[in-house]
N, C-alpha and C. Protein backbone atom coordinates (compact mmCIF):
# COMPACT_ATOMS: atom_id res chain seq x y z
N MET A 1 -75.11 -155.23 -133.55
CA MET A 1 -75.89 -155.23 -134.73
C MET A 1 -75.02 -154.45 -135.83
N LYS A 2 -75.92 -154.80 -136.79
CA LYS A 2 -74.98 -155.00 -138.27
C LYS A 2 -74.59 -153.49 -138.83
N LYS A 3 -74.21 -152.86 -139.46
CA LYS A 3 -73.70 -151.15 -139.90
C LYS A 3 -75.37 -151.22 -140.92
N ILE A 4 -75.69 -150.51 -140.81
CA ILE A 4 -77.15 -149.88 -141.11
C ILE A 4 -76.97 -148.49 -142.26
N THR A 5 -76.17 -148.56 -143.57
CA THR A 5 -76.27 -147.82 -144.37
C THR A 5 -77.69 -146.41 -144.09
N ALA A 6 -77.55 -145.22 -144.26
CA ALA A 6 -78.25 -144.27 -144.68
C ALA A 6 -79.34 -144.62 -145.32
N LEU A 7 -79.34 -145.82 -146.31
CA LEU A 7 -80.19 -145.67 -148.15
C LEU A 7 -80.89 -146.46 -147.28
N ALA A 8 -80.56 -147.76 -145.97
CA ALA A 8 -81.69 -148.17 -145.56
C ALA A 8 -82.25 -147.96 -144.82
N ALA A 9 -81.85 -147.06 -144.40
CA ALA A 9 -82.88 -146.14 -143.18
C ALA A 9 -84.25 -145.30 -144.33
N ALA A 10 -83.62 -144.74 -145.60
CA ALA A 10 -84.38 -144.47 -146.07
C ALA A 10 -85.88 -145.44 -146.56
N ALA A 11 -85.48 -146.77 -146.55
CA ALA A 11 -86.01 -147.73 -147.23
C ALA A 11 -87.00 -148.15 -145.89
N LEU A 12 -86.76 -148.55 -144.81
CA LEU A 12 -87.72 -148.60 -143.33
C LEU A 12 -88.75 -147.66 -143.39
N LEU A 13 -87.94 -145.97 -143.46
CA LEU A 13 -88.85 -144.95 -143.29
C LEU A 13 -90.34 -145.00 -144.50
N SER A 14 -90.19 -145.76 -145.50
CA SER A 14 -91.49 -145.99 -146.09
C SER A 14 -92.24 -146.80 -145.74
N PHE A 15 -91.72 -147.66 -144.76
CA PHE A 15 -93.21 -148.87 -143.91
C PHE A 15 -93.31 -148.21 -142.46
N THR A 16 -93.41 -146.91 -142.02
CA THR A 16 -92.94 -146.38 -140.89
C THR A 16 -95.00 -146.23 -140.48
N GLY A 17 -94.90 -146.34 -139.54
CA GLY A 17 -96.71 -145.79 -138.93
C GLY A 17 -96.42 -144.96 -138.42
N TYR A 18 -97.67 -144.10 -138.46
CA TYR A 18 -98.12 -142.62 -137.64
C TYR A 18 -99.16 -142.82 -136.67
N ALA A 19 -98.94 -141.94 -136.01
CA ALA A 19 -100.09 -141.45 -134.81
C ALA A 19 -99.52 -139.75 -134.83
N ASN A 20 -101.33 -139.54 -133.82
CA ASN A 20 -101.07 -138.18 -133.65
C ASN A 20 -100.02 -138.29 -132.44
N ALA A 21 -99.48 -136.72 -132.01
CA ALA A 21 -98.69 -136.33 -131.29
C ALA A 21 -99.08 -137.29 -129.79
N GLY A 22 -97.42 -137.91 -129.73
CA GLY A 22 -97.56 -139.00 -128.63
C GLY A 22 -96.24 -139.24 -127.89
N LEU A 23 -96.33 -140.20 -127.17
CA LEU A 23 -94.68 -140.41 -127.01
C LEU A 23 -94.45 -141.85 -127.80
N PHE A 24 -93.42 -141.74 -128.52
CA PHE A 24 -92.63 -142.99 -128.71
C PHE A 24 -91.34 -143.64 -128.07
N HIS A 25 -91.52 -145.11 -128.02
CA HIS A 25 -89.95 -145.30 -127.04
C HIS A 25 -89.50 -146.81 -127.84
N PHE A 26 -88.43 -146.89 -128.35
CA PHE A 26 -87.26 -147.79 -128.89
C PHE A 26 -86.24 -147.86 -128.07
N THR A 27 -85.59 -149.32 -128.11
CA THR A 27 -84.65 -149.89 -127.21
C THR A 27 -83.96 -150.25 -128.84
N GLY A 28 -82.27 -150.68 -128.06
CA GLY A 28 -81.82 -151.76 -129.26
C GLY A 28 -80.65 -151.79 -128.84
N GLU A 29 -79.31 -152.37 -129.19
CA GLU A 29 -78.29 -152.75 -129.02
C GLU A 29 -77.32 -151.78 -129.72
N ILE A 30 -76.05 -151.04 -128.77
CA ILE A 30 -75.31 -150.65 -129.88
C ILE A 30 -73.78 -151.62 -129.56
N GLU A 31 -73.16 -151.69 -130.59
CA GLU A 31 -72.34 -152.56 -130.59
C GLU A 31 -70.83 -151.73 -130.36
N ASN A 32 -70.75 -150.78 -130.84
CA ASN A 32 -69.17 -149.82 -130.90
C ASN A 32 -69.35 -148.55 -130.93
N HIS A 33 -67.75 -148.48 -129.91
CA HIS A 33 -67.83 -147.07 -129.19
C HIS A 33 -68.06 -145.86 -130.40
N ASN A 34 -68.15 -146.29 -131.85
CA ASN A 34 -68.18 -144.82 -132.42
C ASN A 34 -69.26 -145.47 -133.28
N ASP A 35 -70.57 -145.98 -132.71
CA ASP A 35 -71.69 -145.95 -133.76
C ASP A 35 -72.90 -144.74 -132.75
N VAL A 36 -73.78 -144.58 -134.15
CA VAL A 36 -74.62 -143.35 -133.52
C VAL A 36 -75.83 -143.94 -134.14
N ILE A 37 -76.89 -143.76 -133.06
CA ILE A 37 -78.12 -143.97 -133.36
C ILE A 37 -78.80 -143.09 -133.90
N TYR A 38 -79.43 -143.41 -135.34
CA TYR A 38 -80.43 -142.18 -135.69
C TYR A 38 -81.79 -142.39 -135.83
N THR A 39 -82.43 -141.28 -134.72
CA THR A 39 -83.92 -141.46 -135.04
C THR A 39 -84.65 -140.59 -135.82
N TYR A 40 -85.38 -140.63 -136.94
CA TYR A 40 -86.09 -139.47 -137.63
C TYR A 40 -87.75 -139.56 -137.48
N PHE A 41 -87.88 -138.10 -136.83
CA PHE A 41 -89.12 -138.00 -136.54
C PHE A 41 -89.74 -136.57 -137.08
N THR A 42 -91.36 -136.38 -136.86
CA THR A 42 -91.94 -135.73 -137.51
C THR A 42 -92.86 -134.77 -136.65
N VAL A 43 -93.02 -133.41 -136.56
CA VAL A 43 -93.71 -132.76 -135.75
C VAL A 43 -94.77 -131.42 -136.96
N GLY A 44 -95.84 -132.61 -136.97
CA GLY A 44 -97.03 -132.17 -138.09
C GLY A 44 -97.52 -130.60 -137.78
N ALA A 45 -97.22 -129.69 -136.62
CA ALA A 45 -97.82 -128.33 -136.19
C ALA A 45 -97.07 -127.82 -135.42
N ASP A 46 -96.77 -126.53 -135.31
CA ASP A 46 -95.88 -125.90 -134.52
C ASP A 46 -96.39 -126.30 -132.88
N ALA A 47 -95.38 -126.70 -132.46
CA ALA A 47 -95.39 -127.80 -131.12
C ALA A 47 -95.14 -127.15 -129.43
N THR A 48 -95.21 -127.15 -128.58
CA THR A 48 -95.06 -126.99 -127.30
C THR A 48 -94.65 -128.47 -126.50
N ASP A 49 -94.00 -128.28 -125.86
CA ASP A 49 -93.05 -129.05 -124.45
C ASP A 49 -93.20 -130.40 -125.53
N VAL A 50 -91.80 -130.83 -126.24
CA VAL A 50 -91.54 -131.28 -126.73
C VAL A 50 -90.28 -132.47 -126.26
N ARG A 51 -90.18 -133.31 -125.73
CA ARG A 51 -88.95 -133.58 -125.19
C ARG A 51 -88.66 -135.11 -125.86
N VAL A 52 -87.35 -135.18 -126.12
CA VAL A 52 -86.31 -136.04 -126.59
C VAL A 52 -85.05 -136.75 -125.54
N TRP A 53 -85.45 -137.71 -125.32
CA TRP A 53 -84.37 -137.93 -124.08
C TRP A 53 -83.77 -139.89 -124.11
N THR A 54 -82.93 -140.14 -123.33
CA THR A 54 -82.40 -141.18 -123.18
C THR A 54 -82.08 -141.74 -121.52
N ASP A 55 -82.49 -143.47 -121.43
CA ASP A 55 -82.68 -143.64 -119.85
C ASP A 55 -81.43 -144.64 -120.54
N SER A 56 -80.31 -144.69 -120.89
CA SER A 56 -79.52 -145.96 -121.45
C SER A 56 -79.04 -146.05 -120.16
N PHE A 57 -78.39 -144.85 -119.46
CA PHE A 57 -77.19 -145.53 -119.05
C PHE A 57 -77.37 -146.32 -117.39
N GLN A 58 -78.87 -146.15 -116.77
CA GLN A 58 -79.40 -147.07 -115.97
C GLN A 58 -77.99 -147.32 -114.62
N GLY A 59 -77.65 -145.85 -114.32
CA GLY A 59 -76.82 -146.18 -113.12
C GLY A 59 -75.93 -146.46 -113.28
N GLY A 60 -75.00 -146.58 -114.63
CA GLY A 60 -73.41 -146.98 -114.86
C GLY A 60 -73.97 -148.40 -115.36
N VAL A 61 -74.76 -149.05 -115.83
CA VAL A 61 -74.71 -150.78 -116.29
C VAL A 61 -74.41 -150.43 -118.30
N ASN A 62 -75.23 -149.19 -118.46
CA ASN A 62 -74.39 -149.13 -119.73
C ASN A 62 -73.70 -148.03 -120.07
N PHE A 63 -73.71 -147.62 -120.99
CA PHE A 63 -72.56 -146.87 -121.65
C PHE A 63 -73.13 -144.86 -121.01
N ASP A 64 -72.04 -143.98 -121.06
CA ASP A 64 -72.62 -142.69 -120.87
C ASP A 64 -73.17 -142.29 -122.36
N PRO A 65 -73.85 -141.59 -122.24
CA PRO A 65 -75.04 -141.56 -123.89
C PRO A 65 -74.79 -139.78 -124.03
N ILE A 66 -74.57 -139.38 -124.89
CA ILE A 66 -74.59 -138.28 -126.24
C ILE A 66 -75.92 -137.81 -126.68
N THR A 67 -76.95 -136.74 -126.25
CA THR A 67 -77.54 -136.76 -127.45
C THR A 67 -77.75 -135.56 -128.07
N ALA A 68 -77.99 -135.71 -129.41
CA ALA A 68 -78.61 -133.87 -130.51
C ALA A 68 -79.11 -134.40 -131.25
N LEU A 69 -79.74 -133.03 -131.19
CA LEU A 69 -81.37 -132.66 -132.31
C LEU A 69 -80.83 -131.89 -133.26
N TRP A 70 -81.11 -132.27 -134.54
CA TRP A 70 -80.81 -132.10 -135.90
C TRP A 70 -82.33 -131.60 -136.52
N LYS A 71 -82.02 -129.98 -137.55
CA LYS A 71 -83.34 -130.24 -138.46
C LYS A 71 -83.01 -130.99 -139.58
N ALA A 72 -84.46 -131.11 -140.26
CA ALA A 72 -84.11 -132.18 -141.54
C ALA A 72 -83.18 -132.04 -142.51
N ASP A 73 -82.34 -130.55 -142.78
CA ASP A 73 -81.69 -129.66 -143.72
C ASP A 73 -80.32 -130.43 -143.03
N GLY A 74 -80.30 -131.53 -141.60
CA GLY A 74 -79.03 -131.35 -141.23
C GLY A 74 -78.07 -130.47 -139.95
N THR A 75 -78.81 -129.38 -139.81
CA THR A 75 -78.51 -128.36 -138.66
C THR A 75 -78.60 -128.59 -137.61
N LEU A 76 -77.63 -128.38 -136.63
CA LEU A 76 -77.45 -128.43 -135.21
C LEU A 76 -78.54 -128.09 -134.35
N ILE A 77 -79.48 -128.14 -133.59
CA ILE A 77 -79.91 -127.37 -133.09
C ILE A 77 -79.73 -127.61 -131.74
N GLY A 78 -79.18 -128.57 -131.28
CA GLY A 78 -78.65 -128.85 -129.71
C GLY A 78 -78.31 -130.01 -129.52
N GLN A 79 -77.36 -130.03 -128.50
CA GLN A 79 -76.95 -131.25 -128.20
C GLN A 79 -76.25 -131.31 -126.71
N ASN A 80 -76.44 -132.45 -125.98
CA ASN A 80 -76.61 -132.14 -124.70
C ASN A 80 -75.74 -133.64 -123.43
N ASP A 81 -74.76 -133.50 -123.02
CA ASP A 81 -74.59 -134.62 -122.14
C ASP A 81 -74.45 -134.26 -120.70
N ASP A 82 -75.63 -135.42 -120.12
CA ASP A 82 -75.71 -135.37 -118.25
C ASP A 82 -76.78 -134.14 -118.10
N ASN A 83 -77.97 -134.33 -118.93
CA ASN A 83 -79.45 -133.62 -118.19
C ASN A 83 -80.45 -134.87 -118.05
N SER A 84 -80.60 -135.06 -116.52
CA SER A 84 -81.52 -136.35 -116.18
C SER A 84 -82.65 -135.75 -115.69
N SER A 85 -82.49 -134.38 -116.13
CA SER A 85 -84.19 -133.94 -115.93
C SER A 85 -85.19 -133.92 -116.73
N ILE A 86 -85.05 -134.57 -118.22
CA ILE A 86 -85.73 -134.31 -118.53
C ILE A 86 -87.15 -135.63 -118.86
N ASN A 87 -86.68 -136.64 -117.76
CA ASN A 87 -87.53 -137.33 -117.44
C ASN A 87 -87.36 -138.68 -115.80
N PRO A 88 -87.00 -137.82 -114.75
CA PRO A 88 -86.42 -138.16 -113.81
C PRO A 88 -87.09 -139.35 -113.30
N SER A 89 -88.29 -140.03 -113.59
CA SER A 89 -88.69 -141.09 -113.38
C SER A 89 -88.52 -142.78 -113.99
N THR A 90 -87.62 -142.09 -115.31
CA THR A 90 -86.76 -143.31 -116.12
C THR A 90 -85.39 -143.23 -116.31
N GLN A 91 -84.88 -141.42 -116.18
CA GLN A 91 -83.33 -141.32 -116.44
C GLN A 91 -82.60 -141.33 -115.12
N THR A 92 -81.13 -141.73 -115.11
CA THR A 92 -80.20 -141.51 -113.83
C THR A 92 -79.62 -140.67 -114.30
N ILE A 93 -78.53 -140.16 -113.21
CA ILE A 93 -76.88 -139.48 -113.39
C ILE A 93 -76.24 -139.74 -115.04
N TYR A 94 -76.46 -139.12 -115.56
CA TYR A 94 -75.41 -139.36 -116.80
C TYR A 94 -76.16 -139.55 -118.22
N ASP A 95 -77.65 -139.49 -117.83
CA ASP A 95 -78.34 -139.94 -119.04
C ASP A 95 -78.53 -138.20 -119.48
N SER A 96 -79.15 -138.53 -120.62
CA SER A 96 -78.97 -136.94 -121.77
C SER A 96 -80.68 -136.58 -122.23
N GLY A 97 -80.48 -135.29 -122.70
CA GLY A 97 -81.90 -135.04 -123.82
C GLY A 97 -81.76 -133.50 -123.33
N LEU A 98 -83.40 -132.88 -124.46
CA LEU A 98 -83.17 -131.74 -124.75
C LEU A 98 -84.76 -131.70 -124.69
N TRP A 99 -85.06 -130.80 -124.68
CA TRP A 99 -86.33 -130.12 -123.66
C TRP A 99 -87.01 -129.02 -124.77
N PHE A 100 -88.00 -128.86 -125.18
CA PHE A 100 -87.95 -127.74 -126.27
C PHE A 100 -89.51 -127.24 -125.57
N ASN A 101 -89.76 -125.69 -125.01
CA ASN A 101 -90.59 -124.97 -125.21
C ASN A 101 -91.61 -124.62 -126.94
N SER A 102 -91.11 -125.04 -127.52
CA SER A 102 -91.38 -124.69 -128.80
C SER A 102 -90.99 -125.20 -130.01
N LEU A 103 -90.91 -126.08 -131.15
CA LEU A 103 -90.53 -126.59 -132.00
C LEU A 103 -91.28 -126.33 -133.04
N ALA A 104 -90.93 -126.07 -134.24
CA ALA A 104 -91.62 -125.74 -135.31
C ALA A 104 -91.88 -126.82 -135.94
N ALA A 105 -92.77 -126.94 -137.19
CA ALA A 105 -93.56 -128.17 -137.81
C ALA A 105 -92.25 -128.38 -138.41
N GLY A 106 -91.82 -129.71 -138.78
CA GLY A 106 -91.07 -130.06 -139.80
C GLY A 106 -90.73 -131.47 -139.63
N ASP A 107 -89.53 -131.88 -140.25
CA ASP A 107 -88.91 -133.00 -139.90
C ASP A 107 -87.48 -133.26 -139.24
N TYR A 108 -87.51 -133.91 -138.02
CA TYR A 108 -85.87 -133.99 -137.25
C TYR A 108 -85.20 -135.14 -137.43
N ILE A 109 -83.54 -135.07 -137.05
CA ILE A 109 -83.52 -136.20 -136.24
C ILE A 109 -82.60 -136.17 -135.28
N PHE A 110 -83.09 -137.26 -133.97
CA PHE A 110 -82.31 -137.24 -132.66
C PHE A 110 -81.26 -138.13 -133.14
N THR A 111 -80.40 -137.84 -132.50
CA THR A 111 -78.72 -139.28 -132.51
C THR A 111 -78.43 -139.29 -130.71
N VAL A 112 -78.03 -140.22 -130.51
CA VAL A 112 -77.23 -140.75 -129.41
C VAL A 112 -75.89 -141.67 -129.72
N ALA A 113 -75.46 -140.68 -129.09
CA ALA A 113 -74.13 -141.68 -128.87
C ALA A 113 -73.15 -141.56 -128.08
N THR A 114 -72.14 -142.31 -127.87
CA THR A 114 -71.33 -142.98 -126.86
C THR A 114 -70.75 -141.26 -126.30
N TYR A 115 -70.83 -140.73 -125.02
CA TYR A 115 -69.47 -139.69 -124.48
C TYR A 115 -68.27 -139.79 -124.36
N ASN A 116 -67.55 -139.71 -125.33
CA ASN A 116 -67.21 -137.86 -126.08
C ASN A 116 -67.31 -137.95 -127.40
N ASN A 117 -67.81 -138.79 -127.79
CA ASN A 117 -68.61 -138.49 -129.55
C ASN A 117 -69.74 -137.48 -129.72
N TRP A 118 -69.00 -136.13 -129.62
CA TRP A 118 -69.70 -135.01 -129.78
C TRP A 118 -69.77 -134.98 -131.46
N ALA A 119 -71.05 -134.15 -131.95
CA ALA A 119 -70.80 -133.47 -133.29
C ALA A 119 -69.62 -133.05 -133.69
N ALA A 120 -69.31 -133.54 -134.54
CA ALA A 120 -67.65 -132.69 -135.33
C ALA A 120 -68.35 -131.02 -135.55
N GLY A 121 -69.10 -130.87 -135.68
CA GLY A 121 -69.44 -129.20 -136.10
C GLY A 121 -71.27 -128.73 -136.10
N SER A 122 -71.59 -127.83 -137.07
CA SER A 122 -72.89 -127.81 -136.51
C SER A 122 -73.82 -128.23 -137.78
N THR A 123 -73.22 -129.16 -138.58
CA THR A 123 -74.12 -129.51 -139.61
C THR A 123 -73.69 -131.41 -139.68
N LEU A 124 -74.71 -132.34 -139.78
CA LEU A 124 -74.33 -133.69 -139.60
C LEU A 124 -73.90 -133.89 -140.61
N ASP A 125 -73.59 -133.55 -141.93
CA ASP A 125 -72.78 -133.76 -142.62
C ASP A 125 -70.76 -133.79 -142.23
N ALA A 126 -70.87 -133.00 -141.04
CA ALA A 126 -69.75 -132.77 -140.43
C ALA A 126 -69.31 -134.25 -139.71
N GLY A 127 -70.28 -134.95 -139.13
CA GLY A 127 -70.48 -136.23 -138.35
C GLY A 127 -69.60 -135.87 -137.18
N PHE A 128 -68.92 -136.79 -136.53
CA PHE A 128 -68.94 -136.90 -135.17
C PHE A 128 -67.34 -137.32 -134.81
N VAL A 129 -66.92 -137.13 -133.74
CA VAL A 129 -65.45 -136.56 -133.37
C VAL A 129 -65.22 -138.48 -133.46
N PHE A 130 -65.56 -139.51 -133.82
CA PHE A 130 -64.73 -140.93 -133.17
C PHE A 130 -65.19 -141.41 -134.74
N ASP A 131 -65.53 -140.42 -135.58
CA ASP A 131 -66.11 -141.33 -137.04
C ASP A 131 -64.97 -142.29 -137.63
N ASN A 132 -63.76 -141.35 -137.33
CA ASN A 132 -62.76 -142.04 -138.20
C ASN A 132 -61.40 -142.90 -137.54
N GLN A 133 -61.81 -143.05 -136.04
CA GLN A 133 -61.34 -143.99 -135.11
C GLN A 133 -61.62 -145.53 -135.79
N THR A 134 -60.80 -146.59 -135.16
CA THR A 134 -61.16 -147.65 -135.63
C THR A 134 -62.14 -148.03 -134.51
N PRO A 135 -63.45 -148.80 -134.82
CA PRO A 135 -64.46 -149.42 -133.76
C PRO A 135 -63.73 -150.00 -133.03
N ILE A 136 -64.63 -149.91 -131.87
CA ILE A 136 -64.22 -150.73 -130.22
C ILE A 136 -65.27 -151.41 -129.68
N ALA A 137 -65.39 -152.78 -129.19
CA ALA A 137 -66.67 -152.87 -128.92
C ALA A 137 -66.67 -152.41 -127.51
N LEU A 138 -67.76 -152.15 -127.45
CA LEU A 138 -67.98 -151.19 -126.19
C LEU A 138 -67.66 -152.22 -124.41
N GLU A 139 -67.96 -153.39 -124.98
CA GLU A 139 -67.80 -154.46 -123.77
C GLU A 139 -65.84 -154.10 -123.77
N ASN A 140 -65.26 -153.90 -124.46
CA ASN A 140 -63.30 -153.44 -124.20
C ASN A 140 -62.90 -152.17 -124.47
N TRP A 141 -63.86 -150.93 -124.39
CA TRP A 141 -63.83 -149.63 -124.39
C TRP A 141 -63.40 -149.33 -123.13
N ASN A 142 -62.73 -148.36 -122.74
CA ASN A 142 -62.50 -147.85 -121.46
C ASN A 142 -63.38 -146.47 -121.57
N GLN A 143 -64.51 -146.32 -121.62
CA GLN A 143 -64.71 -144.82 -121.84
C GLN A 143 -64.59 -144.11 -121.07
N PRO A 144 -64.35 -142.55 -121.38
CA PRO A 144 -63.69 -141.67 -120.91
C PRO A 144 -64.67 -141.73 -119.79
N ALA A 145 -63.97 -141.25 -118.51
CA ALA A 145 -65.36 -140.52 -117.22
C ALA A 145 -66.33 -141.74 -116.65
N ASN A 146 -66.16 -143.15 -117.46
CA ASN A 146 -66.77 -144.17 -117.44
C ASN A 146 -65.76 -145.11 -116.89
N HIS A 147 -65.94 -146.23 -117.87
CA HIS A 147 -65.16 -147.56 -117.26
C HIS A 147 -65.00 -148.71 -117.71
N ILE A 148 -64.94 -149.66 -118.29
CA ILE A 148 -64.64 -150.60 -118.95
C ILE A 148 -65.77 -152.07 -119.11
N ASN A 149 -66.42 -152.41 -119.73
CA ASN A 149 -66.85 -153.57 -119.97
C ASN A 149 -68.42 -153.08 -119.37
N MET A 150 -68.57 -151.78 -120.67
CA MET A 150 -70.06 -151.08 -120.41
C MET A 150 -70.81 -152.15 -121.17
N GLY A 151 -72.23 -152.46 -120.50
CA GLY A 151 -73.71 -152.65 -121.44
C GLY A 151 -73.73 -151.57 -122.54
N ASN A 152 -74.14 -152.56 -123.64
CA ASN A 152 -74.67 -151.68 -124.78
C ASN A 152 -76.26 -151.32 -124.83
N TYR A 153 -76.81 -151.70 -124.19
CA TYR A 153 -78.32 -151.14 -124.39
C TYR A 153 -78.59 -149.76 -124.37
N TRP A 154 -79.27 -149.56 -125.52
CA TRP A 154 -79.90 -148.09 -125.82
C TRP A 154 -81.38 -148.11 -125.70
N SER A 155 -81.60 -146.72 -124.87
CA SER A 155 -83.16 -146.58 -124.89
C SER A 155 -83.30 -145.04 -125.30
N LEU A 156 -84.20 -144.57 -125.84
CA LEU A 156 -84.80 -143.24 -126.19
C LEU A 156 -86.36 -143.26 -126.57
N TRP A 157 -86.34 -141.92 -126.16
CA TRP A 157 -87.88 -141.80 -126.09
C TRP A 157 -88.30 -140.34 -126.53
N LEU A 158 -89.19 -140.16 -127.44
CA LEU A 158 -89.87 -138.86 -127.97
C LEU A 158 -90.98 -138.87 -128.04
N ASP A 159 -91.38 -137.53 -127.38
CA ASP A 159 -92.50 -136.71 -126.72
C ASP A 159 -93.21 -135.70 -127.08
N GLY A 160 -94.09 -135.69 -127.57
CA GLY A 160 -94.81 -134.75 -128.30
C GLY A 160 -94.65 -134.63 -129.58
N VAL A 161 -94.38 -135.62 -130.82
CA VAL A 161 -94.01 -135.65 -131.84
C VAL A 161 -95.25 -136.43 -132.69
N ASP A 162 -95.72 -136.38 -133.68
CA ASP A 162 -96.33 -137.04 -134.45
C ASP A 162 -96.15 -137.85 -135.32
N ALA A 163 -94.79 -138.55 -135.51
CA ALA A 163 -94.50 -139.38 -136.19
C ALA A 163 -92.91 -139.87 -136.15
N ALA A 164 -92.75 -141.17 -136.04
CA ALA A 164 -91.10 -141.72 -135.80
C ALA A 164 -90.70 -142.74 -136.03
N SER A 165 -89.45 -142.82 -137.15
CA SER A 165 -89.09 -143.86 -137.67
C SER A 165 -88.37 -144.95 -136.82
N ASN A 166 -88.44 -146.17 -136.90
CA ASN A 166 -87.90 -147.21 -135.79
C ASN A 166 -85.94 -146.36 -136.06
N PRO A 167 -85.23 -146.18 -135.02
CA PRO A 167 -84.04 -146.20 -134.90
C PRO A 167 -82.93 -146.76 -135.81
N THR A 168 -82.04 -146.48 -135.86
CA THR A 168 -81.14 -147.13 -137.37
C THR A 168 -79.95 -146.96 -136.56
N SER A 169 -78.66 -147.57 -136.48
CA SER A 169 -77.53 -147.35 -136.21
C SER A 169 -76.22 -147.46 -137.15
N VAL A 170 -75.81 -146.54 -137.67
CA VAL A 170 -74.69 -145.73 -138.13
C VAL A 170 -73.25 -146.21 -137.82
N SER A 171 -72.19 -146.65 -138.20
CA SER A 171 -71.57 -146.53 -137.71
C SER A 171 -70.43 -145.93 -138.31
N GLU A 172 -70.21 -145.43 -139.38
CA GLU A 172 -69.86 -143.83 -140.13
C GLU A 172 -70.46 -143.01 -140.33
N PRO A 173 -69.71 -142.19 -141.18
CA PRO A 173 -70.90 -140.85 -141.35
C PRO A 173 -71.73 -141.26 -142.69
N ALA A 174 -72.90 -140.76 -142.18
CA ALA A 174 -73.73 -140.53 -143.48
C ALA A 174 -73.72 -139.67 -144.31
N PRO A 175 -73.46 -139.91 -145.93
CA PRO A 175 -74.15 -138.85 -146.56
C PRO A 175 -75.23 -137.91 -145.93
N LEU A 176 -75.13 -136.30 -146.24
CA LEU A 176 -76.37 -135.66 -145.83
C LEU A 176 -77.50 -136.06 -147.14
N ALA A 177 -76.91 -136.39 -148.02
CA ALA A 177 -78.44 -136.92 -149.18
C ALA A 177 -79.22 -137.73 -149.03
N LEU A 178 -78.47 -138.57 -148.33
CA LEU A 178 -78.92 -139.64 -148.06
C LEU A 178 -79.65 -139.89 -147.13
N LEU A 179 -79.14 -139.05 -145.86
CA LEU A 179 -80.35 -138.73 -144.91
C LEU A 179 -81.62 -137.72 -145.26
N GLY A 180 -80.91 -137.17 -146.27
CA GLY A 180 -82.69 -136.49 -147.03
C GLY A 180 -83.51 -137.14 -147.32
N LEU A 181 -83.10 -138.38 -148.26
CA LEU A 181 -83.89 -138.67 -148.71
C LEU A 181 -84.54 -139.95 -148.02
N ALA A 182 -84.37 -140.20 -146.94
CA ALA A 182 -85.17 -140.63 -145.65
C ALA A 182 -85.93 -139.90 -145.51
N LEU A 183 -85.64 -138.49 -145.23
CA LEU A 183 -86.72 -137.36 -144.50
C LEU A 183 -87.71 -137.07 -145.33
N LEU A 184 -87.67 -137.19 -146.74
CA LEU A 184 -88.35 -137.11 -147.91
C LEU A 184 -89.34 -138.34 -148.08
N GLY A 185 -88.99 -139.99 -147.43
CA GLY A 185 -89.81 -140.69 -147.48
C GLY A 185 -91.08 -140.51 -146.31
N LEU A 186 -90.43 -140.48 -145.47
CA LEU A 186 -91.01 -139.42 -144.02
C LEU A 186 -92.39 -138.17 -144.74
N GLY A 187 -91.53 -137.20 -145.01
CA GLY A 187 -92.70 -136.73 -145.18
C GLY A 187 -93.68 -137.46 -146.62
N TRP A 188 -93.37 -138.02 -147.46
CA TRP A 188 -94.02 -138.58 -148.29
C TRP A 188 -95.10 -139.85 -147.93
N ARG A 189 -95.01 -140.07 -146.80
CA ARG A 189 -95.97 -141.23 -146.13
C ARG A 189 -96.54 -140.54 -145.38
N ARG A 190 -96.19 -138.85 -144.76
CA ARG A 190 -97.30 -138.40 -144.01
C ARG A 190 -97.96 -137.76 -145.14
N ALA A 191 -97.27 -136.90 -146.13
CA ALA A 191 -98.37 -136.78 -147.21
C ALA A 191 -99.49 -137.87 -147.50
N ARG A 192 -99.19 -138.61 -147.87
CA ARG A 192 -100.19 -140.04 -148.10
C ARG A 192 -101.11 -140.42 -147.25
N LYS A 193 -101.06 -140.45 -146.35
CA LYS A 193 -101.64 -140.79 -145.25
C LYS A 193 -102.93 -139.57 -144.36
N ALA A 194 -102.33 -138.21 -145.18
CA ALA A 194 -103.51 -137.26 -144.81
C ALA A 194 -104.47 -137.13 -146.20
């Protein structure tokens, strides 16, 4: 997958469709060990029972994922590794996700990265632990606590949200200002739809 900058992500958001609170599913391929998948979504009104998760691992066929949820301003809400209880019918061991009994109305960013490419700080502009490493193709990378020759397929789910963009893969830290432009596009489209 080609590197897509945050500016390209902003352009993609202007063409995103919307629906009432529901279930969104996206899939794709991640190329390198330090790539991060960014998905932008909106919760139109204070919501209960919002779930965001990945079922990418597929019992060891693919890479071991880490997920994180961020506010629109780039503040980390939470990150998780190894929570396959969000949707046990699709997840296997080492899949991850987050479940919120309540989530305030607003725009959010959901990220999926490889284990152990954790968030480097409590804000998105701090980036991720592997950001400055030379990219290693997943099929050649010996992932910690996993193995070499892992598949690069990813699958992510958003349940209980009002709108979501097609995910983008970013291989380098994206400036928070450009991510803000992407969220602004999502908000503009939502306001125009109303």
